[in-house]
Amino acid sequence: MEIRNRTLYDKDLLIRYNKYYLIDFIKKNFSIIAIFAIGFAIYMFIIGDWQYGVFLIGFVIVYLFLTIFIQKVTAKREVNKSPLVEHPIMQNYTFTDETIFVEGVRPREIKYINVTKIHMSSEFLIITDVERKTIVVDMGKFDTFNDAQKLKEFLNLKFKKHFR
């Protein structure tokens, strides 16, 4: 197997990744807090303590807005400071049966046995290795749509339960 991807790290990718990160954070972290807070609010309403129930629901709403606001401000600051805005870089990824070859600014080779975390969405493939280095691969930049599907199937077989 040899699947190639050419990901351009530029302002657009930074903005899309920050949106993806915000949505992922809301789905995973915020939703858990919201479920517990709303559950306690319902309990407060049942026992007749309306003030605390309304307070908890207000807390969830304020927390959601603060989360979005802080992420937007942080993302804007990161985009303004990033050298990728002025000087975008191209990274070429070649996925083989045993290794990921990264060609670009810092060429390197990542063996699948050194991958500690892998996450694939419709937009990004995010891979973290034992050196705690993360690579973000744009899923729209494979040579063909079939290549992205083949890679997803391959990674699913290779990592089984560790693949999400």
N, C-alpha and C. Protein backbone atom coordinates (compact mmCIF):
# COMPACT_ATOMS: atom_id res chain seq x y z
N MET A 1 0.84 -1.18 0.00
CA MET A 1 0.00 0.00 0.00
C MET A 1 0.89 1.24 0.00
N GLU A 2 0.48 2.21 -0.77
CA GLU A 2 1.17 3.50 -0.77
C GLU A 2 0.12 4.58 -1.07
N ILE A 3 -0.25 5.30 -0.03
CA ILE A 3 -1.26 6.36 -0.16
C ILE A 3 -0.60 7.69 0.14
N ARG A 4 -0.82 8.65 -0.73
CA ARG A 4 -0.15 9.95 -0.60
C ARG A 4 -1.15 11.06 -0.26
N ASN A 5 -0.63 12.02 0.50
CA ASN A 5 -1.41 13.19 0.89
C ASN A 5 -0.49 14.40 0.87
N ARG A 6 -1.00 15.52 0.36
CA ARG A 6 -0.25 16.78 0.35
C ARG A 6 -1.06 17.81 1.12
N THR A 7 -0.66 18.06 2.36
CA THR A 7 -1.37 19.00 3.22
C THR A 7 -0.64 20.33 3.26
N LEU A 8 -1.37 21.40 2.95
CA LEU A 8 -0.83 22.75 3.01
C LEU A 8 -1.19 23.35 4.36
N TYR A 9 -0.17 23.67 5.15
CA TYR A 9 -0.38 24.30 6.44
C TYR A 9 -0.39 25.81 6.22
N ASP A 10 -1.58 26.38 6.27
CA ASP A 10 -1.74 27.81 6.03
C ASP A 10 -2.84 28.36 6.94
N LYS A 11 -3.22 29.60 6.73
CA LYS A 11 -4.23 30.26 7.56
C LYS A 11 -5.55 29.50 7.52
N ASP A 12 -5.95 29.06 6.35
CA ASP A 12 -7.21 28.34 6.21
C ASP A 12 -7.22 27.06 7.04
N LEU A 13 -6.13 26.31 7.01
CA LEU A 13 -6.04 25.08 7.80
C LEU A 13 -6.10 25.38 9.29
N LEU A 14 -5.41 26.42 9.72
CA LEU A 14 -5.44 26.81 11.15
C LEU A 14 -6.86 27.14 11.60
N ILE A 15 -7.57 27.90 10.79
CA ILE A 15 -8.94 28.29 11.14
C ILE A 15 -9.86 27.07 11.17
N ARG A 16 -9.75 26.21 10.16
CA ARG A 16 -10.59 25.01 10.13
C ARG A 16 -10.29 24.08 11.31
N TYR A 17 -9.00 23.94 11.66
CA TYR A 17 -8.64 23.08 12.78
C TYR A 17 -9.17 23.65 14.10
N ASN A 18 -9.09 24.95 14.27
CA ASN A 18 -9.62 25.55 15.51
C ASN A 18 -11.13 25.38 15.62
N LYS A 19 -11.85 25.48 14.51
CA LYS A 19 -13.30 25.21 14.54
C LYS A 19 -13.57 23.75 14.89
N TYR A 20 -12.80 22.86 14.28
CA TYR A 20 -12.93 21.44 14.57
C TYR A 20 -12.68 21.17 16.05
N TYR A 21 -11.61 21.78 16.60
CA TYR A 21 -11.24 21.58 17.99
C TYR A 21 -12.36 22.08 18.92
N LEU A 22 -12.94 23.23 18.61
CA LEU A 22 -14.02 23.78 19.43
C LEU A 22 -15.22 22.84 19.44
N ILE A 23 -15.62 22.37 18.29
CA ILE A 23 -16.77 21.47 18.21
C ILE A 23 -16.48 20.18 18.95
N ASP A 24 -15.27 19.65 18.80
CA ASP A 24 -14.88 18.42 19.49
C ASP A 24 -14.87 18.64 21.01
N PHE A 25 -14.38 19.79 21.46
CA PHE A 25 -14.36 20.10 22.89
C PHE A 25 -15.79 20.18 23.44
N ILE A 26 -16.66 20.84 22.70
CA ILE A 26 -18.05 20.97 23.16
C ILE A 26 -18.71 19.60 23.23
N LYS A 27 -18.48 18.75 22.23
CA LYS A 27 -19.09 17.42 22.22
C LYS A 27 -18.60 16.57 23.38
N LYS A 28 -17.30 16.61 23.64
CA LYS A 28 -16.73 15.72 24.66
C LYS A 28 -16.81 16.29 26.07
N ASN A 29 -16.27 17.47 26.28
CA ASN A 29 -16.12 18.01 27.63
C ASN A 29 -17.35 18.79 28.09
N PHE A 30 -17.79 19.74 27.28
CA PHE A 30 -18.91 20.57 27.69
C PHE A 30 -20.18 19.74 27.89
N SER A 31 -20.41 18.78 27.01
CA SER A 31 -21.64 18.00 27.10
C SER A 31 -21.74 17.24 28.42
N ILE A 32 -20.62 16.75 28.93
CA ILE A 32 -20.64 16.01 30.20
C ILE A 32 -21.02 16.95 31.35
N ILE A 33 -20.39 18.11 31.39
CA ILE A 33 -20.71 19.09 32.44
C ILE A 33 -22.16 19.55 32.32
N ALA A 34 -22.61 19.79 31.09
CA ALA A 34 -23.98 20.25 30.87
C ALA A 34 -25.00 19.21 31.31
N ILE A 35 -24.73 17.96 31.02
CA ILE A 35 -25.67 16.90 31.41
C ILE A 35 -25.81 16.83 32.93
N PHE A 36 -24.69 16.87 33.65
CA PHE A 36 -24.76 16.82 35.11
C PHE A 36 -25.44 18.07 35.68
N ALA A 37 -25.09 19.23 35.16
CA ALA A 37 -25.68 20.48 35.67
C ALA A 37 -27.18 20.52 35.40
N ILE A 38 -27.60 20.12 34.22
CA ILE A 38 -29.03 20.12 33.90
C ILE A 38 -29.75 19.06 34.72
N GLY A 39 -29.09 17.93 34.95
CA GLY A 39 -29.69 16.89 35.81
C GLY A 39 -29.93 17.42 37.22
N PHE A 40 -28.93 18.12 37.78
CA PHE A 40 -29.11 18.71 39.11
C PHE A 40 -30.17 19.82 39.08
N ALA A 41 -30.23 20.56 37.97
CA ALA A 41 -31.24 21.62 37.85
C ALA A 41 -32.64 21.00 37.85
N ILE A 42 -32.82 19.91 37.16
CA ILE A 42 -34.12 19.23 37.14
C ILE A 42 -34.46 18.75 38.55
N TYR A 43 -33.46 18.20 39.24
CA TYR A 43 -33.68 17.78 40.63
C TYR A 43 -34.11 18.97 41.49
N MET A 44 -33.45 20.10 41.30
CA MET A 44 -33.81 21.31 42.06
C MET A 44 -35.24 21.75 41.75
N PHE A 45 -35.63 21.66 40.49
CA PHE A 45 -37.01 22.02 40.13
C PHE A 45 -38.01 21.06 40.78
N ILE A 46 -37.66 19.78 40.82
CA ILE A 46 -38.56 18.78 41.41
C ILE A 46 -38.76 19.03 42.89
N ILE A 47 -37.68 19.38 43.61
CA ILE A 47 -37.83 19.59 45.05
C ILE A 47 -38.32 21.01 45.36
N GLY A 48 -38.53 21.80 44.32
CA GLY A 48 -39.10 23.13 44.51
C GLY A 48 -38.09 24.24 44.75
N ASP A 49 -36.83 23.98 44.53
CA ASP A 49 -35.81 25.00 44.72
C ASP A 49 -35.49 25.66 43.38
N TRP A 50 -36.44 26.48 42.89
CA TRP A 50 -36.37 27.07 41.56
C TRP A 50 -35.14 27.97 41.37
N GLN A 51 -34.75 28.68 42.40
CA GLN A 51 -33.62 29.60 42.27
C GLN A 51 -32.34 28.87 41.86
N TYR A 52 -32.03 27.80 42.55
CA TYR A 52 -30.81 27.06 42.25
C TYR A 52 -30.91 26.34 40.90
N GLY A 53 -32.08 25.87 40.56
CA GLY A 53 -32.29 25.24 39.26
C GLY A 53 -32.04 26.21 38.12
N VAL A 54 -32.59 27.42 38.24
CA VAL A 54 -32.37 28.44 37.22
C VAL A 54 -30.89 28.85 37.20
N PHE A 55 -30.29 28.95 38.38
CA PHE A 55 -28.86 29.29 38.46
C PHE A 55 -28.01 28.26 37.72
N LEU A 56 -28.29 26.97 37.91
CA LEU A 56 -27.51 25.94 37.24
C LEU A 56 -27.68 25.99 35.72
N ILE A 57 -28.90 26.22 35.26
CA ILE A 57 -29.11 26.32 33.81
C ILE A 57 -28.42 27.57 33.28
N GLY A 58 -28.46 28.66 34.01
CA GLY A 58 -27.75 29.87 33.61
C GLY A 58 -26.25 29.63 33.58
N PHE A 59 -25.76 28.87 34.54
CA PHE A 59 -24.33 28.52 34.58
C PHE A 59 -23.92 27.76 33.32
N VAL A 60 -24.74 26.82 32.90
CA VAL A 60 -24.43 26.03 31.69
C VAL A 60 -24.38 26.94 30.47
N ILE A 61 -25.33 27.85 30.36
CA ILE A 61 -25.37 28.76 29.21
C ILE A 61 -24.17 29.70 29.22
N VAL A 62 -23.84 30.27 30.37
CA VAL A 62 -22.69 31.16 30.47
C VAL A 62 -21.40 30.40 30.18
N TYR A 63 -21.30 29.18 30.69
CA TYR A 63 -20.11 28.35 30.43
C TYR A 63 -19.94 28.07 28.93
N LEU A 64 -21.04 27.79 28.25
CA LEU A 64 -20.98 27.56 26.81
C LEU A 64 -20.48 28.81 26.08
N PHE A 65 -21.06 29.97 26.40
CA PHE A 65 -20.64 31.20 25.74
C PHE A 65 -19.18 31.55 26.06
N LEU A 66 -18.76 31.35 27.31
CA LEU A 66 -17.37 31.61 27.67
C LEU A 66 -16.41 30.66 26.93
N THR A 67 -16.80 29.41 26.81
CA THR A 67 -15.98 28.44 26.08
C THR A 67 -15.80 28.87 24.64
N ILE A 68 -16.88 29.24 23.98
CA ILE A 68 -16.81 29.68 22.59
C ILE A 68 -16.00 30.97 22.47
N PHE A 69 -16.24 31.91 23.36
CA PHE A 69 -15.54 33.20 23.31
C PHE A 69 -14.03 33.02 23.50
N ILE A 70 -13.64 32.25 24.51
CA ILE A 70 -12.22 32.04 24.79
C ILE A 70 -11.56 31.32 23.62
N GLN A 71 -12.23 30.33 23.04
CA GLN A 71 -11.65 29.61 21.91
C GLN A 71 -11.50 30.53 20.70
N LYS A 72 -12.49 31.38 20.44
CA LYS A 72 -12.41 32.31 19.30
C LYS A 72 -11.25 33.30 19.50
N VAL A 73 -11.12 33.85 20.71
CA VAL A 73 -10.05 34.81 20.98
C VAL A 73 -8.68 34.13 20.87
N THR A 74 -8.56 32.94 21.43
CA THR A 74 -7.31 32.21 21.37
C THR A 74 -6.96 31.85 19.93
N ALA A 75 -7.95 31.40 19.17
CA ALA A 75 -7.71 31.04 17.77
C ALA A 75 -7.28 32.26 16.96
N LYS A 76 -7.92 33.38 17.20
CA LYS A 76 -7.56 34.60 16.47
C LYS A 76 -6.12 35.01 16.80
N ARG A 77 -5.76 34.94 18.07
CA ARG A 77 -4.41 35.29 18.49
C ARG A 77 -3.40 34.34 17.86
N GLU A 78 -3.72 33.05 17.83
CA GLU A 78 -2.81 32.06 17.24
C GLU A 78 -2.63 32.30 15.75
N VAL A 79 -3.71 32.61 15.06
CA VAL A 79 -3.62 32.88 13.62
C VAL A 79 -2.78 34.12 13.37
N ASN A 80 -2.96 35.15 14.19
CA ASN A 80 -2.19 36.38 14.00
C ASN A 80 -0.70 36.19 14.28
N LYS A 81 -0.35 35.30 15.22
CA LYS A 81 1.05 35.08 15.58
C LYS A 81 1.73 34.01 14.73
N SER A 82 0.96 33.20 14.05
CA SER A 82 1.53 32.04 13.37
C SER A 82 2.34 32.44 12.13
N PRO A 83 3.53 31.88 12.01
CA PRO A 83 4.32 32.13 10.80
C PRO A 83 3.73 31.45 9.56
N LEU A 84 2.81 30.51 9.77
CA LEU A 84 2.20 29.81 8.65
C LEU A 84 1.31 30.72 7.81
N VAL A 85 0.83 31.81 8.40
CA VAL A 85 -0.02 32.75 7.67
C VAL A 85 0.79 33.43 6.57
N GLU A 86 1.97 33.89 6.91
CA GLU A 86 2.83 34.59 5.95
C GLU A 86 3.63 33.61 5.08
N HIS A 87 4.00 32.48 5.68
CA HIS A 87 4.85 31.51 4.98
C HIS A 87 4.26 30.11 5.12
N PRO A 88 3.22 29.80 4.34
CA PRO A 88 2.63 28.46 4.43
C PRO A 88 3.64 27.39 4.02
N ILE A 89 3.47 26.21 4.59
CA ILE A 89 4.36 25.11 4.23
C ILE A 89 3.54 23.93 3.73
N MET A 90 4.17 23.16 2.87
CA MET A 90 3.54 21.95 2.33
C MET A 90 4.22 20.74 2.95
N GLN A 91 3.41 19.84 3.48
CA GLN A 91 3.92 18.59 4.02
C GLN A 91 3.35 17.47 3.15
N ASN A 92 4.20 16.57 2.75
CA ASN A 92 3.80 15.40 1.98
C ASN A 92 3.84 14.19 2.89
N TYR A 93 2.73 13.46 2.91
CA TYR A 93 2.65 12.26 3.74
C TYR A 93 2.47 11.06 2.82
N THR A 94 3.25 10.02 3.08
CA THR A 94 3.11 8.77 2.35
C THR A 94 2.85 7.68 3.38
N PHE A 95 1.68 7.07 3.28
CA PHE A 95 1.28 6.01 4.19
C PHE A 95 1.56 4.68 3.52
N THR A 96 2.42 3.88 4.15
CA THR A 96 2.72 2.54 3.64
C THR A 96 2.19 1.52 4.64
N ASP A 97 2.51 0.26 4.42
CA ASP A 97 2.01 -0.79 5.31
C ASP A 97 2.58 -0.72 6.72
N GLU A 98 3.79 -0.21 6.88
CA GLU A 98 4.45 -0.19 8.18
C GLU A 98 4.83 1.20 8.68
N THR A 99 4.84 2.20 7.80
CA THR A 99 5.42 3.49 8.15
C THR A 99 4.66 4.64 7.50
N ILE A 100 4.73 5.79 8.17
CA ILE A 100 4.27 7.05 7.59
C ILE A 100 5.53 7.87 7.31
N PHE A 101 5.72 8.22 6.05
CA PHE A 101 6.86 9.07 5.69
C PHE A 101 6.37 10.50 5.59
N VAL A 102 7.03 11.40 6.30
CA VAL A 102 6.69 12.81 6.30
C VAL A 102 7.81 13.54 5.57
N GLU A 103 7.47 14.24 4.51
CA GLU A 103 8.44 15.01 3.75
C GLU A 103 8.02 16.46 3.76
N GLY A 104 8.94 17.33 4.05
CA GLY A 104 8.65 18.76 4.11
C GLY A 104 9.73 19.47 4.88
N VAL A 105 9.33 20.35 5.78
CA VAL A 105 10.30 21.14 6.55
C VAL A 105 11.20 20.24 7.38
N ARG A 106 10.62 19.32 8.12
CA ARG A 106 11.38 18.37 8.94
C ARG A 106 11.01 16.95 8.53
N PRO A 107 11.73 16.40 7.55
CA PRO A 107 11.40 15.03 7.12
C PRO A 107 11.59 14.05 8.26
N ARG A 108 10.70 13.09 8.34
CA ARG A 108 10.83 12.05 9.35
C ARG A 108 10.01 10.84 8.96
N GLU A 109 10.18 9.82 9.72
CA GLU A 109 9.53 8.55 9.47
C GLU A 109 8.86 8.12 10.77
N ILE A 110 7.58 7.78 10.69
CA ILE A 110 6.85 7.35 11.89
C ILE A 110 6.37 5.92 11.65
N LYS A 111 6.87 5.00 12.43
CA LYS A 111 6.41 3.62 12.33
C LYS A 111 5.09 3.50 13.10
N TYR A 112 4.19 2.68 12.60
CA TYR A 112 2.89 2.55 13.23
C TYR A 112 2.98 2.04 14.66
N ILE A 113 4.03 1.29 14.98
CA ILE A 113 4.18 0.81 16.36
C ILE A 113 4.51 1.97 17.31
N ASN A 114 4.94 3.11 16.77
CA ASN A 114 5.25 4.28 17.59
C ASN A 114 4.08 5.27 17.68
N VAL A 115 2.97 4.94 17.08
CA VAL A 115 1.79 5.81 17.14
C VAL A 115 1.04 5.51 18.43
N THR A 116 0.81 6.54 19.24
CA THR A 116 0.11 6.35 20.51
C THR A 116 -1.37 6.73 20.43
N LYS A 117 -1.70 7.63 19.53
CA LYS A 117 -3.08 8.09 19.44
C LYS A 117 -3.37 8.45 17.99
N ILE A 118 -4.55 8.06 17.55
CA ILE A 118 -4.95 8.39 16.19
C ILE A 118 -6.44 8.70 16.18
N HIS A 119 -6.78 9.78 15.51
CA HIS A 119 -8.18 10.20 15.45
C HIS A 119 -8.48 10.66 14.02
N MET A 120 -9.56 10.15 13.46
CA MET A 120 -9.92 10.53 12.10
C MET A 120 -11.33 11.09 12.10
N SER A 121 -11.47 12.25 11.48
CA SER A 121 -12.79 12.83 11.26
C SER A 121 -12.96 13.02 9.76
N SER A 122 -14.04 13.63 9.36
CA SER A 122 -14.24 13.88 7.93
C SER A 122 -13.27 14.94 7.42
N GLU A 123 -12.74 15.77 8.32
CA GLU A 123 -11.84 16.86 7.91
C GLU A 123 -10.36 16.58 8.16
N PHE A 124 -10.04 15.90 9.27
CA PHE A 124 -8.65 15.74 9.67
C PHE A 124 -8.34 14.33 10.13
N LEU A 125 -7.08 13.95 9.92
CA LEU A 125 -6.49 12.77 10.52
C LEU A 125 -5.43 13.30 11.47
N ILE A 126 -5.57 13.01 12.75
CA ILE A 126 -4.66 13.54 13.76
C ILE A 126 -3.91 12.35 14.37
N ILE A 127 -2.58 12.39 14.25
CA ILE A 127 -1.74 11.29 14.70
C ILE A 127 -0.73 11.81 15.71
N THR A 128 -0.64 11.13 16.86
CA THR A 128 0.35 11.47 17.88
C THR A 128 1.26 10.26 18.07
N ASP A 129 2.56 10.53 18.16
CA ASP A 129 3.51 9.43 18.31
C ASP A 129 4.11 9.41 19.72
N VAL A 130 5.03 8.47 19.95
CA VAL A 130 5.63 8.30 21.28
C VAL A 130 6.46 9.51 21.69
N GLU A 131 6.92 10.31 20.74
CA GLU A 131 7.67 11.52 21.07
C GLU A 131 6.74 12.69 21.37
N ARG A 132 5.44 12.42 21.43
CA ARG A 132 4.40 13.40 21.71
C ARG A 132 4.33 14.48 20.63
N LYS A 133 4.72 14.11 19.42
CA LYS A 133 4.60 15.00 18.27
C LYS A 133 3.30 14.65 17.55
N THR A 134 2.58 15.68 17.18
CA THR A 134 1.29 15.49 16.54
C THR A 134 1.36 15.99 15.11
N ILE A 135 0.78 15.21 14.22
CA ILE A 135 0.65 15.67 12.85
C ILE A 135 -0.83 15.75 12.50
N VAL A 136 -1.17 16.77 11.75
CA VAL A 136 -2.55 16.99 11.33
C VAL A 136 -2.56 16.86 9.81
N VAL A 137 -3.30 15.88 9.32
CA VAL A 137 -3.38 15.62 7.89
C VAL A 137 -4.77 16.05 7.41
N ASP A 138 -4.80 16.86 6.37
CA ASP A 138 -6.06 17.33 5.78
C ASP A 138 -6.67 16.19 4.96
N MET A 139 -7.85 15.72 5.35
CA MET A 139 -8.48 14.59 4.68
C MET A 139 -8.93 14.92 3.26
N GLY A 140 -9.05 16.18 2.92
CA GLY A 140 -9.46 16.56 1.57
C GLY A 140 -8.31 16.62 0.59
N LYS A 141 -7.10 16.30 1.01
CA LYS A 141 -5.93 16.46 0.16
C LYS A 141 -5.29 15.15 -0.28
N PHE A 142 -6.05 14.06 -0.20
CA PHE A 142 -5.55 12.80 -0.75
C PHE A 142 -5.71 12.85 -2.26
N ASP A 143 -4.96 12.01 -2.95
CA ASP A 143 -5.02 11.99 -4.41
C ASP A 143 -6.44 11.70 -4.89
N THR A 144 -7.10 10.73 -4.26
CA THR A 144 -8.50 10.41 -4.60
C THR A 144 -9.29 10.18 -3.33
N PHE A 145 -10.60 10.24 -3.45
CA PHE A 145 -11.46 9.96 -2.31
C PHE A 145 -11.28 8.50 -1.88
N ASN A 146 -11.06 7.62 -2.84
CA ASN A 146 -10.83 6.20 -2.53
C ASN A 146 -9.60 6.01 -1.64
N ASP A 147 -8.57 6.84 -1.85
CA ASP A 147 -7.37 6.73 -1.02
C ASP A 147 -7.70 7.01 0.45
N ALA A 148 -8.52 8.01 0.69
CA ALA A 148 -8.91 8.33 2.07
C ALA A 148 -9.69 7.16 2.68
N GLN A 149 -10.58 6.56 1.90
CA GLN A 149 -11.36 5.42 2.39
C GLN A 149 -10.46 4.21 2.66
N LYS A 150 -9.52 3.95 1.75
CA LYS A 150 -8.59 2.82 1.94
C LYS A 150 -7.76 3.03 3.20
N LEU A 151 -7.28 4.26 3.39
CA LEU A 151 -6.47 4.54 4.58
C LEU A 151 -7.30 4.35 5.85
N LYS A 152 -8.53 4.81 5.83
CA LYS A 152 -9.39 4.65 7.01
C LYS A 152 -9.59 3.17 7.33
N GLU A 153 -9.85 2.37 6.32
CA GLU A 153 -10.03 0.93 6.53
C GLU A 153 -8.74 0.29 7.06
N PHE A 154 -7.60 0.68 6.46
CA PHE A 154 -6.31 0.15 6.89
C PHE A 154 -6.02 0.50 8.35
N LEU A 155 -6.22 1.78 8.71
CA LEU A 155 -5.95 2.21 10.08
C LEU A 155 -6.90 1.55 11.06
N ASN A 156 -8.13 1.34 10.63
CA ASN A 156 -9.12 0.68 11.49
C ASN A 156 -8.67 -0.75 11.79
N LEU A 157 -8.17 -1.46 10.79
CA LEU A 157 -7.66 -2.82 11.00
C LEU A 157 -6.38 -2.82 11.82
N LYS A 158 -5.51 -1.86 11.55
CA LYS A 158 -4.19 -1.80 12.19
C LYS A 158 -4.31 -1.47 13.69
N PHE A 159 -5.20 -0.54 14.02
CA PHE A 159 -5.27 -0.06 15.40
C PHE A 159 -6.49 -0.57 16.16
N LYS A 160 -7.39 -1.21 15.52
CA LYS A 160 -8.59 -1.80 16.10
C LYS A 160 -9.25 -0.89 17.13
N LYS A 161 -9.10 -1.18 18.41
CA LYS A 161 -9.80 -0.42 19.46
C LYS A 161 -9.22 0.96 19.71
N HIS A 162 -7.98 1.19 19.32
CA HIS A 162 -7.35 2.49 19.59
C HIS A 162 -7.70 3.54 18.53
N PHE A 163 -8.41 3.13 17.52
CA PHE A 163 -8.75 4.03 16.42
C PHE A 163 -10.14 4.60 16.67
N ARG A 164 -10.26 5.95 16.56
CA ARG A 164 -11.58 6.56 16.72
C ARG A 164 -11.82 7.51 15.57
